[in-house]
Amino acid sequence: MKTAVSIPDAVFEKAERLARKAGRSRSEVFSAAVAEYVARHAPDEVTDAMDRVCADLGDQRDGFVTAAGRRVLEDTEW
């Protein structure tokens, strides 16, 4: 989707330099920046995604992992 936004000249210049240095287009840089901003400000989406992964995995217990975790916790100073 194409859109037009107004940004300060200084921000535009920094984005332009970053795009050149990274070998990416300005559109890629701005798109990545907005995606990161949205992800940081939508923590419920991250939690929901993690909940879906956990539900898909189910209750899979691994004896080695359980024992290793127990040893780490026992050796940790609380």
PDB file of N, CA and C in Angstrom:
ATOM      1  N   MET A   1       0.852  -1.169   0.000  1.00  0.00           N
ATOM      2  CA  MET A   1       0.000   0.000   0.000  1.00  0.00           C
ATOM      3  C   MET A   1       0.895   1.229   0.000  1.00  0.00           C
ATOM      4  N   LYS A   2       0.515   2.186  -0.748  1.00  0.00           N
ATOM      5  CA  LYS A   2       1.239   3.451  -0.794  1.00  0.00           C
ATOM      6  C   LYS A   2       0.546   4.453   0.104  1.00  0.00           C
ATOM      7  N   THR A   3       1.353   5.244   0.804  1.00  0.00           N
ATOM      8  CA  THR A   3       0.793   6.280   1.657  1.00  0.00           C
ATOM      9  C   THR A   3       1.773   7.448   1.710  1.00  0.00           C
ATOM     10  N   ALA A   4       1.272   8.597   2.074  1.00  0.00           N
ATOM     11  CA  ALA A   4       2.127   9.778   2.200  1.00  0.00           C
ATOM     12  C   ALA A   4       2.097  10.233   3.649  1.00  0.00           C
ATOM     13  N   VAL A   5       3.269  10.508   4.192  1.00  0.00           N
ATOM     14  CA  VAL A   5       3.364  11.008   5.559  1.00  0.00           C
ATOM     15  C   VAL A   5       4.338  12.172   5.593  1.00  0.00           C
ATOM     16  N   SER A   6       4.171  13.025   6.574  1.00  0.00           N
ATOM     17  CA  SER A   6       5.095  14.141   6.769  1.00  0.00           C
ATOM     18  C   SER A   6       5.988  13.820   7.951  1.00  0.00           C
ATOM     19  N   ILE A   7       7.297  13.944   7.752  1.00  0.00           N
ATOM     20  CA  ILE A   7       8.254  13.706   8.825  1.00  0.00           C
ATOM     21  C   ILE A   7       9.269  14.840   8.820  1.00  0.00           C
ATOM     22  N   PRO A   8       9.891  15.095   9.948  1.00  0.00           N
ATOM     23  CA  PRO A   8      10.903  16.154   9.995  1.00  0.00           C
ATOM     24  C   PRO A   8      12.075  15.846   9.051  1.00  0.00           C
ATOM     25  N   ASP A   9      12.673  16.888   8.506  1.00  0.00           N
ATOM     26  CA  ASP A   9      13.797  16.721   7.580  1.00  0.00           C
ATOM     27  C   ASP A   9      14.924  15.892   8.187  1.00  0.00           C
ATOM     28  N   ALA A  10      15.232  16.136   9.456  1.00  0.00           N
ATOM     29  CA  ALA A  10      16.335  15.428  10.104  1.00  0.00           C
ATOM     30  C   ALA A  10      16.075  13.924  10.156  1.00  0.00           C
ATOM     31  N   VAL A  11      14.843  13.532  10.440  1.00  0.00           N
ATOM     32  CA  VAL A  11      14.490  12.109  10.490  1.00  0.00           C
ATOM     33  C   VAL A  11      14.597  11.502   9.091  1.00  0.00           C
ATOM     34  N   PHE A  12      14.113  12.227   8.102  1.00  0.00           N
ATOM     35  CA  PHE A  12      14.190  11.750   6.720  1.00  0.00           C
ATOM     36  C   PHE A  12      15.649  11.528   6.310  1.00  0.00           C
ATOM     37  N   GLU A  13      16.507  12.476   6.633  1.00  0.00           N
ATOM     38  CA  GLU A  13      17.922  12.361   6.252  1.00  0.00           C
ATOM     39  C   GLU A  13      18.586  11.171   6.934  1.00  0.00           C
ATOM     40  N   LYS A  14      18.263  10.948   8.203  1.00  0.00           N
ATOM     41  CA  LYS A  14      18.826   9.796   8.912  1.00  0.00           C
ATOM     42  C   LYS A  14      18.332   8.483   8.302  1.00  0.00           C
ATOM     43  N   ALA A  15      17.075   8.446   7.947  1.00  0.00           N
ATOM     44  CA  ALA A  15      16.522   7.247   7.317  1.00  0.00           C
ATOM     45  C   ALA A  15      17.155   7.015   5.950  1.00  0.00           C
ATOM     46  N   GLU A  16      17.370   8.082   5.219  1.00  0.00           N
ATOM     47  CA  GLU A  16      18.013   7.994   3.901  1.00  0.00           C
ATOM     48  C   GLU A  16      19.431   7.427   4.038  1.00  0.00           C
ATOM     49  N   ARG A  17      20.181   7.933   5.012  1.00  0.00           N
ATOM     50  CA  ARG A  17      21.548   7.422   5.238  1.00  0.00           C
ATOM     51  C   ARG A  17      21.527   5.954   5.646  1.00  0.00           C
ATOM     52  N   LEU A  18      20.616   5.607   6.524  1.00  0.00           N
ATOM     53  CA  LEU A  18      20.502   4.220   6.977  1.00  0.00           C
ATOM     54  C   LEU A  18      20.162   3.304   5.802  1.00  0.00           C
ATOM     55  N   ALA A  19      19.253   3.723   4.965  1.00  0.00           N
ATOM     56  CA  ALA A  19      18.860   2.913   3.811  1.00  0.00           C
ATOM     57  C   ALA A  19      20.053   2.684   2.884  1.00  0.00           C
ATOM     58  N   ARG A  20      20.791   3.745   2.594  1.00  0.00           N
ATOM     59  CA  ARG A  20      21.971   3.607   1.726  1.00  0.00           C
ATOM     60  C   ARG A  20      22.997   2.672   2.345  1.00  0.00           C
ATOM     61  N   LYS A  21      23.271   2.879   3.634  1.00  0.00           N
ATOM     62  CA  LYS A  21      24.279   2.073   4.323  1.00  0.00           C
ATOM     63  C   LYS A  21      23.875   0.595   4.358  1.00  0.00           C
ATOM     64  N   ALA A  22      22.592   0.327   4.539  1.00  0.00           N
ATOM     65  CA  ALA A  22      22.098  -1.046   4.647  1.00  0.00           C
ATOM     66  C   ALA A  22      21.787  -1.660   3.283  1.00  0.00           C
ATOM     67  N   GLY A  23      21.863  -0.845   2.225  1.00  0.00           N
ATOM     68  CA  GLY A  23      21.540  -1.354   0.893  1.00  0.00           C
ATOM     69  C   GLY A  23      20.061  -1.686   0.742  1.00  0.00           C
ATOM     70  N   ARG A  24      19.223  -0.910   1.407  1.00  0.00           N
ATOM     71  CA  ARG A  24      17.782  -1.120   1.362  1.00  0.00           C
ATOM     72  C   ARG A  24      17.103   0.126   0.815  1.00  0.00           C
ATOM     73  N   SER A  25      15.887  -0.022   0.418  1.00  0.00           N
ATOM     74  CA  SER A  25      15.142   1.145  -0.051  1.00  0.00           C
ATOM     75  C   SER A  25      14.594   1.910   1.147  1.00  0.00           C
ATOM     76  N   ARG A  26      14.244   3.178   0.917  1.00  0.00           N
ATOM     77  CA  ARG A  26      13.619   3.958   1.987  1.00  0.00           C
ATOM     78  C   ARG A  26      12.327   3.289   2.428  1.00  0.00           C
ATOM     79  N   SER A  27      11.584   2.765   1.482  1.00  0.00           N
ATOM     80  CA  SER A  27      10.317   2.101   1.815  1.00  0.00           C
ATOM     81  C   SER A  27      10.548   0.938   2.768  1.00  0.00           C
ATOM     82  N   GLU A  28      11.598   0.158   2.518  1.00  0.00           N
ATOM     83  CA  GLU A  28      11.901  -0.958   3.412  1.00  0.00           C
ATOM     84  C   GLU A  28      12.252  -0.462   4.807  1.00  0.00           C
ATOM     85  N   VAL A  29      13.038   0.595   4.882  1.00  0.00           N
ATOM     86  CA  VAL A  29      13.438   1.143   6.177  1.00  0.00           C
ATOM     87  C   VAL A  29      12.221   1.667   6.936  1.00  0.00           C
ATOM     88  N   PHE A  30      11.379   2.441   6.266  1.00  0.00           N
ATOM     89  CA  PHE A  30      10.201   2.984   6.941  1.00  0.00           C
ATOM     90  C   PHE A  30       9.229   1.879   7.333  1.00  0.00           C
ATOM     91  N   SER A  31       9.054   0.892   6.473  1.00  0.00           N
ATOM     92  CA  SER A  31       8.155  -0.217   6.774  1.00  0.00           C
ATOM     93  C   SER A  31       8.648  -1.002   7.980  1.00  0.00           C
ATOM     94  N   ALA A  32       9.952  -1.291   8.027  1.00  0.00           N
ATOM     95  CA  ALA A  32      10.523  -2.014   9.163  1.00  0.00           C
ATOM     96  C   ALA A  32      10.381  -1.200  10.445  1.00  0.00           C
ATOM     97  N   ALA A  33      10.583   0.106  10.342  1.00  0.00           N
ATOM     98  CA  ALA A  33      10.481   0.970  11.524  1.00  0.00           C
ATOM     99  C   ALA A  33       9.056   0.985  12.073  1.00  0.00           C
ATOM    100  N   VAL A  34       8.081   1.091  11.203  1.00  0.00           N
ATOM    101  CA  VAL A  34       6.681   1.111  11.652  1.00  0.00           C
ATOM    102  C   VAL A  34       6.301  -0.250  12.226  1.00  0.00           C
ATOM    103  N   ALA A  35       6.755  -1.329  11.590  1.00  0.00           N
ATOM    104  CA  ALA A  35       6.448  -2.671  12.096  1.00  0.00           C
ATOM    105  C   ALA A  35       7.019  -2.858  13.498  1.00  0.00           C
ATOM    106  N   GLU A  36       8.252  -2.404  13.706  1.00  0.00           N
ATOM    107  CA  GLU A  36       8.874  -2.513  15.025  1.00  0.00           C
ATOM    108  C   GLU A  36       8.120  -1.661  16.041  1.00  0.00           C
ATOM    109  N   TYR A  37       7.736  -0.464  15.670  1.00  0.00           N
ATOM    110  CA  TYR A  37       7.008   0.425  16.569  1.00  0.00           C
ATOM    111  C   TYR A  37       5.674  -0.209  16.973  1.00  0.00           C
ATOM    112  N   VAL A  38       4.961  -0.738  15.994  1.00  0.00           N
ATOM    113  CA  VAL A  38       3.666  -1.359  16.278  1.00  0.00           C
ATOM    114  C   VAL A  38       3.852  -2.568  17.199  1.00  0.00           C
ATOM    115  N   ALA A  39       4.871  -3.379  16.941  1.00  0.00           N
ATOM    116  CA  ALA A  39       5.120  -4.565  17.775  1.00  0.00           C
ATOM    117  C   ALA A  39       5.423  -4.162  19.212  1.00  0.00           C
ATOM    118  N   ARG A  40       6.186  -3.101  19.385  1.00  0.00           N
ATOM    119  CA  ARG A  40       6.524  -2.644  20.742  1.00  0.00           C
ATOM    120  C   ARG A  40       5.317  -2.096  21.483  1.00  0.00           C
ATOM    121  N   HIS A  41       4.354  -1.592  20.758  1.00  0.00           N
ATOM    122  CA  HIS A  41       3.201  -0.976  21.388  1.00  0.00           C
ATOM    123  C   HIS A  41       1.970  -1.875  21.374  1.00  0.00           C
ATOM    124  N   ALA A  42       2.148  -3.126  21.013  1.00  0.00           N
ATOM    125  CA  ALA A  42       1.038  -4.080  21.005  1.00  0.00           C
ATOM    126  C   ALA A  42       1.459  -5.355  21.739  1.00  0.00           C
ATOM    127  N   PRO A  43       1.804  -5.243  23.041  1.00  0.00           N
ATOM    128  CA  PRO A  43       2.301  -6.416  23.763  1.00  0.00           C
ATOM    129  C   PRO A  43       1.285  -7.552  23.842  1.00  0.00           C
ATOM    130  N   ASP A  44      -0.008  -7.225  23.782  1.00  0.00           N
ATOM    131  CA  ASP A  44      -1.019  -8.286  23.835  1.00  0.00           C
ATOM    132  C   ASP A  44      -0.903  -9.215  22.631  1.00  0.00           C
ATOM    133  N   GLU A  45      -0.510  -8.684  21.481  1.00  0.00           N
ATOM    134  CA  GLU A  45      -0.345  -9.520  20.294  1.00  0.00           C
ATOM    135  C   GLU A  45       0.802 -10.507  20.493  1.00  0.00           C
ATOM    136  N   VAL A  46       1.876 -10.060  21.128  1.00  0.00           N
ATOM    137  CA  VAL A  46       3.009 -10.949  21.402  1.00  0.00           C
ATOM    138  C   VAL A  46       2.574 -12.041  22.368  1.00  0.00           C
ATOM    139  N   THR A  47       1.863 -11.658  23.415  1.00  0.00           N
ATOM    140  CA  THR A  47       1.380 -12.634  24.388  1.00  0.00           C
ATOM    141  C   THR A  47       0.446 -13.633  23.722  1.00  0.00           C
ATOM    142  N   ASP A  48      -0.465 -13.147  22.884  1.00  0.00           N
ATOM    143  CA  ASP A  48      -1.387 -14.043  22.175  1.00  0.00           C
ATOM    144  C   ASP A  48      -0.632 -15.021  21.286  1.00  0.00           C
ATOM    145  N   ALA A  49       0.396 -14.542  20.586  1.00  0.00           N
ATOM    146  CA  ALA A  49       1.179 -15.414  19.714  1.00  0.00           C
ATOM    147  C   ALA A  49       1.895 -16.484  20.536  1.00  0.00           C
ATOM    148  N   MET A  50       2.455 -16.087  21.677  1.00  0.00           N
ATOM    149  CA  MET A  50       3.139 -17.058  22.530  1.00  0.00           C
ATOM    150  C   MET A  50       2.150 -18.071  23.097  1.00  0.00           C
ATOM    151  N   ASP A  51       0.963 -17.622  23.461  1.00  0.00           N
ATOM    152  CA  ASP A  51      -0.062 -18.537  23.962  1.00  0.00           C
ATOM    153  C   ASP A  51      -0.454 -19.559  22.899  1.00  0.00           C
ATOM    154  N   ARG A  52      -0.556 -19.110  21.637  1.00  0.00           N
ATOM    155  CA  ARG A  52      -0.896 -20.035  20.543  1.00  0.00           C
ATOM    156  C   ARG A  52       0.193 -21.089  20.358  1.00  0.00           C
ATOM    157  N   VAL A  53       1.445 -20.660  20.432  1.00  0.00           N
ATOM    158  CA  VAL A  53       2.556 -21.611  20.290  1.00  0.00           C
ATOM    159  C   VAL A  53       2.517 -22.633  21.419  1.00  0.00           C
ATOM    160  N   CYS A  54       2.323 -22.163  22.636  1.00  0.00           N
ATOM    161  CA  CYS A  54       2.271 -23.079  23.779  1.00  0.00           C
ATOM    162  C   CYS A  54       1.105 -24.055  23.647  1.00  0.00           C
ATOM    163  N   ALA A  55      -0.032 -23.568  23.190  1.00  0.00           N
ATOM    164  CA  ALA A  55      -1.192 -24.440  23.005  1.00  0.00           C
ATOM    165  C   ALA A  55      -0.912 -25.482  21.922  1.00  0.00           C
ATOM    166  N   ASP A  56      -0.236 -25.078  20.855  1.00  0.00           N
ATOM    167  CA  ASP A  56       0.100 -26.010  19.778  1.00  0.00           C
ATOM    168  C   ASP A  56       1.074 -27.083  20.254  1.00  0.00           C
ATOM    169  N   LEU A  57       2.002 -26.705  21.119  1.00  0.00           N
ATOM    170  CA  LEU A  57       2.981 -27.662  21.628  1.00  0.00           C
ATOM    171  C   LEU A  57       2.364 -28.629  22.624  1.00  0.00           C
ATOM    172  N   GLY A  58       1.365 -28.168  23.344  1.00  0.00           N
ATOM    173  CA  GLY A  58       0.728 -29.015  24.335  1.00  0.00           C
ATOM    174  C   GLY A  58       1.616 -29.222  25.547  1.00  0.00           C
ATOM    175  N   ASP A  59       1.316 -30.266  26.290  1.00  0.00           N
ATOM    176  CA  ASP A  59       2.054 -30.546  27.526  1.00  0.00           C
ATOM    177  C   ASP A  59       3.112 -31.608  27.240  1.00  0.00           C
ATOM    178  N   GLN A  60       4.178 -31.208  26.614  1.00  0.00           N
ATOM    179  CA  GLN A  60       5.259 -32.125  26.289  1.00  0.00           C
ATOM    180  C   GLN A  60       6.351 -31.986  27.347  1.00  0.00           C
ATOM    181  N   ARG A  61       6.505 -32.981  28.155  1.00  0.00           N
ATOM    182  CA  ARG A  61       7.523 -32.929  29.205  1.00  0.00           C
ATOM    183  C   ARG A  61       8.746 -33.722  28.766  1.00  0.00           C
ATOM    184  N   ASP A  62       9.882 -33.181  29.085  1.00  0.00           N
ATOM    185  CA  ASP A  62      11.151 -33.814  28.752  1.00  0.00           C
ATOM    186  C   ASP A  62      11.908 -34.004  30.058  1.00  0.00           C
ATOM    187  N   GLY A  63      12.189 -35.240  30.412  1.00  0.00           N
ATOM    188  CA  GLY A  63      12.842 -35.545  31.669  1.00  0.00           C
ATOM    189  C   GLY A  63      14.183 -34.854  31.832  1.00  0.00           C
ATOM    190  N   PHE A  64      14.965 -34.804  30.754  1.00  0.00           N
ATOM    191  CA  PHE A  64      16.274 -34.156  30.817  1.00  0.00           C
ATOM    192  C   PHE A  64      16.125 -32.670  31.117  1.00  0.00           C
ATOM    193  N   VAL A  65      15.211 -32.021  30.425  1.00  0.00           N
ATOM    194  CA  VAL A  65      15.005 -30.585  30.621  1.00  0.00           C
ATOM    195  C   VAL A  65      14.515 -30.321  32.038  1.00  0.00           C
ATOM    196  N   THR A  66      13.614 -31.145  32.516  1.00  0.00           N
ATOM    197  CA  THR A  66      13.109 -30.978  33.877  1.00  0.00           C
ATOM    198  C   THR A  66      14.231 -31.114  34.900  1.00  0.00           C
ATOM    199  N   ALA A  67      15.064 -32.144  34.740  1.00  0.00           N
ATOM    200  CA  ALA A  67      16.167 -32.363  35.677  1.00  0.00           C
ATOM    201  C   ALA A  67      17.190 -31.230  35.599  1.00  0.00           C
ATOM    202  N   ALA A  68      17.504 -30.796  34.381  1.00  0.00           N
ATOM    203  CA  ALA A  68      18.476 -29.707  34.217  1.00  0.00           C
ATOM    204  C   ALA A  68      17.945 -28.425  34.845  1.00  0.00           C
ATOM    205  N   GLY A  69      16.683 -28.142  34.628  1.00  0.00           N
ATOM    206  CA  GLY A  69      16.079 -26.946  35.213  1.00  0.00           C
ATOM    207  C   GLY A  69      16.096 -26.992  36.730  1.00  0.00           C
ATOM    208  N   ARG A  70      15.815 -28.171  37.272  1.00  0.00           N
ATOM    209  CA  ARG A  70      15.828 -28.335  38.725  1.00  0.00           C
ATOM    210  C   ARG A  70      17.236 -28.087  39.270  1.00  0.00           C
ATOM    211  N   ARG A  71      18.269 -28.631  38.587  1.00  0.00           N
ATOM    212  CA  ARG A  71      19.646 -28.423  39.050  1.00  0.00           C
ATOM    213  C   ARG A  71      20.025 -26.945  39.011  1.00  0.00           C
ATOM    214  N   VAL A  72      19.637 -26.265  37.959  1.00  0.00           N
ATOM    215  CA  VAL A  72      19.952 -24.839  37.856  1.00  0.00           C
ATOM    216  C   VAL A  72      19.287 -24.069  38.991  1.00  0.00           C
ATOM    217  N   LEU A  73      18.022 -24.375  39.250  1.00  0.00           N
ATOM    218  CA  LEU A  73      17.315 -23.671  40.319  1.00  0.00           C
ATOM    219  C   LEU A  73      17.917 -23.982  41.690  1.00  0.00           C
ATOM    220  N   GLU A  74      18.321 -25.246  41.899  1.00  0.00           N
ATOM    221  CA  GLU A  74      18.920 -25.605  43.180  1.00  0.00           C
ATOM    222  C   GLU A  74      20.273 -24.913  43.386  1.00  0.00           C
ATOM    223  N   ASP A  75      21.009 -24.699  42.305  1.00  0.00           N
ATOM    224  CA  ASP A  75      22.324 -24.076  42.386  1.00  0.00           C
ATOM    225  C   ASP A  75      22.271 -22.544  42.390  1.00  0.00           C
ATOM    226  N   THR A  76      21.097 -21.978  42.186  1.00  0.00           N
ATOM    227  CA  THR A  76      20.943 -20.535  42.114  1.00  0.00           C
ATOM    228  C   THR A  76      20.709 -19.964  43.499  1.00  0.00           C
ATOM    229  N   GLU A  77      21.459 -18.910  43.809  1.00  0.00           N
ATOM    230  CA  GLU A  77      21.287 -18.257  45.099  1.00  0.00           C
ATOM    231  C   GLU A  77      20.087 -17.326  45.015  1.00  0.00           C
ATOM    232  N   TRP A  78      19.124 -17.558  45.867  1.00  0.00           N
ATOM    233  CA  TRP A  78      17.918 -16.735  45.871  1.00  0.00           C
ATOM    234  C   TRP A  78      18.103 -15.688  46.891  1.00  0.00           C
TER     235      TRP A  78
END
